[in-house]
Amino acid sequence: MISLIGGRCVYDPQVLMVMTNAFDRACDFLPAQFRDNDHMRRKLALHILHQVDDGESDPARLADSAILSLLR
């Protein structure tokens, strides 16, 4: 991740692949009626982004953490 002016970040391709993998895993875990819910998907994505920004890089841990964050 490279920080830019104004608080925006750019992620390298490897990190993007990790985030995509984690997001897909987390979405696959959701019950069918929630998989297309934009609010749920957004919450998962934001959680994954925050965790990556904090240094997490394991897609399984990111996905698990994102799912658990929905329960809070």
Protein backbone atom coordinates (compact mmCIF):
# COMPACT_ATOMS: atom_id res chain seq x y z
CA MET A 1 0.00 0.00 0.00
CA ILE A 2 1.23 3.45 -0.86
CA SER A 3 -0.30 6.46 0.91
CA LEU A 4 -0.99 9.49 -1.20
CA ILE A 5 -1.87 13.10 -0.45
CA GLY A 6 -5.31 13.57 1.04
CA GLY A 7 -5.42 10.24 2.84
CA ARG A 8 -6.05 8.17 -0.28
CA CYS A 9 -4.24 4.88 -0.75
CA VAL A 10 -3.08 2.84 -3.69
CA TYR A 11 -2.77 -0.93 -3.30
CA ASP A 12 -0.34 -3.05 -5.27
CA PRO A 13 -1.71 -5.92 -7.40
CA GLN A 14 -0.77 -8.61 -4.86
CA VAL A 15 -2.65 -6.85 -2.07
CA LEU A 16 -5.65 -6.36 -4.37
CA MET A 17 -5.66 -10.11 -5.06
CA VAL A 18 -5.61 -10.84 -1.31
CA MET A 19 -8.49 -8.41 -0.69
CA THR A 20 -10.50 -9.86 -3.59
CA ASN A 21 -9.94 -13.40 -2.34
CA ALA A 22 -11.00 -12.43 1.19
CA PHE A 23 -14.07 -10.58 -0.05
CA ASP A 24 -15.16 -13.50 -2.25
CA ARG A 25 -14.68 -15.94 0.64
CA ALA A 26 -16.69 -13.74 2.99
CA CYS A 27 -19.50 -13.28 0.46
CA ASP A 28 -19.63 -17.03 -0.18
CA PHE A 29 -20.12 -17.56 3.55
CA LEU A 30 -23.18 -15.28 3.67
CA PRO A 31 -26.61 -16.91 3.52
CA ALA A 32 -28.03 -16.76 -0.01
CA GLN A 33 -30.57 -14.04 0.82
CA PHE A 34 -27.76 -11.65 1.84
CA ARG A 35 -25.21 -12.30 -0.93
CA ASP A 36 -26.62 -9.60 -3.21
CA ASN A 37 -27.33 -7.14 -0.41
CA ASP A 38 -25.27 -4.02 -1.14
CA HIS A 39 -25.23 -2.94 2.51
CA MET A 40 -23.80 -6.27 3.68
CA ARG A 41 -21.25 -6.41 0.87
CA ARG A 42 -20.15 -2.84 1.62
CA LYS A 43 -19.69 -3.66 5.32
CA LEU A 44 -17.56 -6.68 4.42
CA ALA A 45 -15.46 -4.67 1.96
CA LEU A 46 -14.84 -1.80 4.37
CA HIS A 47 -13.87 -4.17 7.14
CA ILE A 48 -11.39 -5.92 4.86
CA LEU A 49 -9.92 -2.59 3.74
CA HIS A 50 -9.44 -1.46 7.34
CA GLN A 51 -7.82 -4.75 8.33
CA VAL A 52 -5.44 -4.63 5.35
CA ASP A 53 -4.56 -1.06 6.28
CA ASP A 54 -3.74 -2.35 9.79
CA GLY A 55 -1.36 -4.92 8.30
CA GLU A 56 -3.40 -8.12 7.95
CA SER A 57 -2.54 -10.02 4.77
CA ASP A 58 -4.03 -13.51 5.16
CA PRO A 59 -7.21 -13.87 3.06
CA ALA A 60 -8.74 -16.50 5.36
CA ARG A 61 -8.24 -14.34 8.45
CA LEU A 62 -9.55 -11.30 6.59
CA ALA A 63 -12.67 -13.18 5.48
CA ASP A 64 -13.30 -14.65 8.94
CA SER A 65 -12.83 -11.27 10.58
CA ALA A 66 -15.19 -9.61 8.09
CA ILE A 67 -17.92 -12.18 8.74
CA LEU A 68 -17.49 -11.83 12.50
CA SER A 69 -17.72 -8.04 12.18
CA LEU A 70 -21.28 -8.44 10.88
CA LEU A 71 -22.28 -10.09 14.14
CA ARG A 72 -21.24 -7.11 16.24
